[in-house]
Amino acid sequence: MGIVQRTAEGIDSMRRSVWDQSGTGMRIVILIVLVVTGLAIPLIPIAWIARRIAN
């Protein structure tokens, strides 16, 4: 397994621990914070790509 695959799995694992275990209210708060701070632009595509590579 290469470094890209391991990194993608780590990012995907972190995304799952934050996103999948959160309730709807917390997800909305997370999205609002990401959009307001401008972090949604780089983080959402990175998480999406990592999920594709990890699977």
N, C-alpha and C. Protein backbone atom coordinates (compact mmCIF):
# COMPACT_ATOMS: atom_id res chain seq x y z
N MET A 1 0.85 -1.17 0.00
CA MET A 1 0.00 0.00 0.00
C MET A 1 0.90 1.23 0.00
N GLY A 2 0.61 2.14 -0.90
CA GLY A 2 1.45 3.32 -1.02
C GLY A 2 1.08 4.43 -0.06
N ILE A 3 1.91 5.42 -0.05
CA ILE A 3 1.71 6.54 0.87
C ILE A 3 0.43 7.31 0.53
N VAL A 4 0.09 7.40 -0.75
CA VAL A 4 -1.13 8.11 -1.14
C VAL A 4 -2.35 7.38 -0.59
N GLN A 5 -2.35 6.06 -0.72
CA GLN A 5 -3.47 5.25 -0.22
C GLN A 5 -3.59 5.38 1.31
N ARG A 6 -2.48 5.31 2.01
CA ARG A 6 -2.52 5.43 3.48
C ARG A 6 -2.99 6.81 3.91
N THR A 7 -2.52 7.85 3.23
CA THR A 7 -2.95 9.21 3.54
C THR A 7 -4.44 9.37 3.28
N ALA A 8 -4.91 8.85 2.15
CA ALA A 8 -6.33 8.94 1.83
C ALA A 8 -7.17 8.20 2.87
N GLU A 9 -6.71 7.06 3.33
CA GLU A 9 -7.44 6.32 4.35
C GLU A 9 -7.47 7.08 5.67
N GLY A 10 -6.38 7.74 6.01
CA GLY A 10 -6.34 8.56 7.22
C GLY A 10 -7.31 9.73 7.16
N ILE A 11 -7.34 10.42 6.03
CA ILE A 11 -8.26 11.54 5.85
C ILE A 11 -9.70 11.05 5.89
N ASP A 12 -9.97 9.92 5.22
CA ASP A 12 -11.32 9.37 5.21
C ASP A 12 -11.75 8.94 6.60
N SER A 13 -10.84 8.36 7.36
CA SER A 13 -11.14 7.95 8.73
C SER A 13 -11.47 9.16 9.60
N MET A 14 -10.73 10.22 9.44
CA MET A 14 -10.98 11.44 10.21
C MET A 14 -12.33 12.03 9.81
N ARG A 15 -12.63 12.04 8.53
CA ARG A 15 -13.92 12.56 8.06
C ARG A 15 -15.07 11.75 8.65
N ARG A 16 -14.93 10.43 8.65
CA ARG A 16 -15.98 9.57 9.20
C ARG A 16 -16.17 9.82 10.70
N SER A 17 -15.08 9.98 11.43
CA SER A 17 -15.19 10.17 12.88
C SER A 17 -15.86 11.49 13.21
N VAL A 18 -15.65 12.51 12.41
CA VAL A 18 -16.26 13.81 12.67
C VAL A 18 -17.67 13.87 12.10
N TRP A 19 -17.85 13.44 10.87
CA TRP A 19 -19.11 13.64 10.17
C TRP A 19 -20.15 12.57 10.47
N ASP A 20 -19.77 11.30 10.37
CA ASP A 20 -20.74 10.22 10.50
C ASP A 20 -21.26 10.05 11.92
N GLN A 21 -20.50 10.45 12.91
CA GLN A 21 -20.93 10.28 14.29
C GLN A 21 -21.60 11.53 14.85
N SER A 22 -21.81 12.53 13.99
CA SER A 22 -22.44 13.77 14.42
C SER A 22 -23.93 13.75 14.07
N GLY A 23 -24.71 14.40 14.90
CA GLY A 23 -26.13 14.54 14.62
C GLY A 23 -26.36 15.61 13.57
N THR A 24 -27.61 15.76 13.15
CA THR A 24 -27.95 16.73 12.11
C THR A 24 -27.62 18.15 12.54
N GLY A 25 -27.91 18.50 13.77
CA GLY A 25 -27.61 19.85 14.26
C GLY A 25 -26.13 20.15 14.23
N MET A 26 -25.32 19.20 14.66
CA MET A 26 -23.87 19.40 14.65
C MET A 26 -23.34 19.47 13.23
N ARG A 27 -23.90 18.71 12.32
CA ARG A 27 -23.47 18.78 10.92
C ARG A 27 -23.74 20.16 10.34
N ILE A 28 -24.89 20.73 10.67
CA ILE A 28 -25.21 22.08 10.18
C ILE A 28 -24.23 23.09 10.75
N VAL A 29 -23.91 22.98 12.03
CA VAL A 29 -22.93 23.89 12.65
C VAL A 29 -21.57 23.75 11.98
N ILE A 30 -21.14 22.51 11.73
CA ILE A 30 -19.85 22.27 11.07
C ILE A 30 -19.84 22.91 9.69
N LEU A 31 -20.90 22.71 8.91
CA LEU A 31 -20.97 23.29 7.57
C LEU A 31 -20.96 24.81 7.61
N ILE A 32 -21.69 25.40 8.54
CA ILE A 32 -21.72 26.86 8.65
C ILE A 32 -20.33 27.40 8.98
N VAL A 33 -19.65 26.76 9.92
CA VAL A 33 -18.30 27.20 10.30
C VAL A 33 -17.35 27.07 9.10
N LEU A 34 -17.45 25.96 8.38
CA LEU A 34 -16.57 25.78 7.21
C LEU A 34 -16.83 26.81 6.13
N VAL A 35 -18.10 27.12 5.88
CA VAL A 35 -18.43 28.10 4.85
C VAL A 35 -18.03 29.50 5.28
N VAL A 36 -18.31 29.88 6.52
CA VAL A 36 -17.99 31.23 7.00
C VAL A 36 -16.49 31.47 7.01
N THR A 37 -15.72 30.46 7.41
CA THR A 37 -14.27 30.64 7.46
C THR A 37 -13.59 30.44 6.10
N GLY A 38 -14.34 29.95 5.14
CA GLY A 38 -13.77 29.72 3.81
C GLY A 38 -13.04 28.40 3.68
N LEU A 39 -13.09 27.58 4.71
CA LEU A 39 -12.39 26.30 4.68
C LEU A 39 -13.14 25.24 3.88
N ALA A 40 -14.41 25.49 3.58
CA ALA A 40 -15.20 24.50 2.84
C ALA A 40 -14.64 24.32 1.43
N ILE A 41 -14.11 25.38 0.86
CA ILE A 41 -13.62 25.31 -0.53
C ILE A 41 -12.50 24.28 -0.68
N PRO A 42 -11.46 24.28 0.16
CA PRO A 42 -10.43 23.25 -0.01
C PRO A 42 -10.76 21.92 0.68
N LEU A 43 -11.48 21.95 1.79
CA LEU A 43 -11.67 20.72 2.57
C LEU A 43 -12.67 19.75 1.98
N ILE A 44 -13.76 20.23 1.44
CA ILE A 44 -14.77 19.32 0.90
C ILE A 44 -14.23 18.53 -0.28
N PRO A 45 -13.58 19.15 -1.27
CA PRO A 45 -13.02 18.34 -2.36
C PRO A 45 -11.92 17.37 -1.91
N ILE A 46 -11.10 17.80 -0.95
CA ILE A 46 -10.05 16.91 -0.44
C ILE A 46 -10.66 15.69 0.22
N ALA A 47 -11.69 15.90 1.04
CA ALA A 47 -12.36 14.77 1.70
C ALA A 47 -13.04 13.87 0.69
N TRP A 48 -13.65 14.45 -0.34
CA TRP A 48 -14.33 13.66 -1.37
C TRP A 48 -13.32 12.81 -2.15
N ILE A 49 -12.21 13.39 -2.55
CA ILE A 49 -11.18 12.67 -3.30
C ILE A 49 -10.56 11.58 -2.42
N ALA A 50 -10.28 11.90 -1.17
CA ALA A 50 -9.70 10.90 -0.26
C ALA A 50 -10.65 9.73 -0.08
N ARG A 51 -11.93 10.00 -0.01
CA ARG A 51 -12.90 8.91 0.14
C ARG A 51 -12.88 8.00 -1.09
N ARG A 52 -12.77 8.57 -2.25
CA ARG A 52 -12.72 7.79 -3.50
C ARG A 52 -11.45 6.94 -3.55
N ILE A 53 -10.32 7.51 -3.18
CA ILE A 53 -9.06 6.78 -3.21
C ILE A 53 -9.04 5.67 -2.15
N ALA A 54 -9.56 5.98 -0.96
CA ALA A 54 -9.55 5.00 0.14
C ALA A 54 -10.43 3.79 -0.16
N ASN A 55 -11.50 4.02 -0.88
CA ASN A 55 -12.40 2.92 -1.22
C ASN A 55 -11.94 2.33 -2.51
